[in-house]
Amino acid sequence: MVAAAGILIGAAFLLRWGFKNNQFDEDIKYVVFDDDDVDKMSDEDFKKSKEVQQKQENLREEVLRKRAEQKQAKNNEKR
């Protein structure tokens, strides 16, 4: 019973982490496409692919900006 409780708590923690870090994003499948794949997709899928790629790039820039700010704050605290 203790082991089962541990497994359930661990699973709940991992699910929470996954949702918090956008691991369950259904649009992630569009990230693997690039401009050379236009003939393999419908016009709607290609448009969606471009939107998702832009969204992912914006998210990446935001995360990198936040990390840089945290690093700068941490360096300022050391001084």
Protein backbone atom coordinates (compact mmCIF):
# COMPACT_ATOMS: atom_id res chain seq x y z
CA MET A 1 0.00 0.00 0.00
CA VAL A 2 2.84 2.34 0.77
CA ALA A 3 4.42 1.63 -2.62
CA ALA A 4 1.10 2.22 -4.39
CA ALA A 5 0.65 5.53 -2.59
CA GLY A 6 4.18 6.53 -3.59
CA ILE A 7 3.50 5.68 -7.22
CA LEU A 8 0.26 7.69 -7.23
CA ILE A 9 1.92 10.70 -5.63
CA GLY A 10 4.79 10.48 -8.12
CA ALA A 11 2.39 10.21 -11.05
CA ALA A 12 0.42 13.23 -9.82
CA PHE A 13 3.64 15.22 -9.48
CA LEU A 14 4.78 14.30 -13.00
CA LEU A 15 1.37 15.14 -14.51
CA ARG A 16 1.41 18.52 -12.76
CA TRP A 17 4.92 19.17 -14.09
CA GLY A 18 3.83 18.15 -17.60
CA PHE A 19 0.87 20.51 -17.66
CA LYS A 20 2.93 23.32 -16.17
CA ASN A 21 5.61 22.92 -18.86
CA ASN A 22 3.29 22.53 -21.88
CA GLN A 23 4.13 18.87 -22.44
CA PHE A 24 0.56 18.01 -23.45
CA ASP A 25 0.24 20.52 -26.30
CA GLU A 26 -1.63 18.89 -29.19
CA ASP A 27 -0.24 21.41 -31.69
CA ILE A 28 3.32 20.27 -31.08
CA LYS A 29 3.00 17.90 -34.07
CA TYR A 30 3.19 20.92 -36.38
CA VAL A 31 6.66 21.90 -35.16
CA VAL A 32 8.36 19.14 -37.16
CA PHE A 33 7.26 20.63 -40.49
CA ASP A 34 9.16 23.28 -42.41
CA ASP A 35 8.68 25.22 -45.65
CA ASP A 36 9.80 22.23 -47.75
CA ASP A 37 6.79 20.24 -46.54
CA VAL A 38 4.17 22.53 -48.08
CA ASP A 39 3.35 19.94 -50.75
CA LYS A 40 2.69 17.28 -48.08
CA MET A 41 0.09 19.32 -46.18
CA SER A 42 -3.20 20.96 -46.92
CA ASP A 43 -3.31 24.75 -46.96
CA GLU A 44 -5.02 24.77 -43.55
CA ASP A 45 -2.39 22.49 -42.03
CA PHE A 46 0.45 24.57 -43.46
CA LYS A 47 -1.10 27.76 -42.08
CA LYS A 48 -1.57 26.09 -38.69
CA SER A 49 2.03 24.89 -38.83
CA LYS A 50 3.27 28.43 -39.37
CA GLU A 51 1.13 29.74 -36.50
CA VAL A 52 2.37 27.04 -34.13
CA GLN A 53 6.00 27.62 -35.11
CA GLN A 54 5.64 31.34 -34.43
CA LYS A 55 3.94 30.63 -31.11
CA GLN A 56 6.72 28.23 -30.11
CA GLU A 57 9.41 30.73 -31.11
CA ASN A 58 7.71 33.45 -29.04
CA LEU A 59 7.49 31.08 -26.08
CA ARG A 60 11.16 30.18 -26.48
CA GLU A 61 12.19 33.83 -26.52
CA GLU A 62 10.08 34.51 -23.42
CA VAL A 63 11.63 31.59 -21.53
CA LEU A 64 15.15 32.63 -22.51
CA ARG A 65 14.42 36.22 -21.46
CA LYS A 66 13.14 35.07 -18.07
CA ARG A 67 16.19 32.84 -17.56
CA ALA A 68 18.50 35.72 -18.42
CA GLU A 69 16.66 37.96 -15.95
CA GLN A 70 16.92 35.32 -13.23
CA LYS A 71 20.61 34.84 -13.94
CA GLN A 72 21.19 38.60 -13.83
CA ALA A 73 19.28 38.88 -10.54
CA LYS A 74 21.28 36.01 -9.09
CA ASN A 75 24.55 37.66 -10.16
CA ASN A 76 23.42 40.96 -8.62
CA GLU A 77 22.68 39.21 -5.31
CA LYS A 78 26.20 37.78 -5.18
CA ARG A 79 27.77 41.23 -5.43
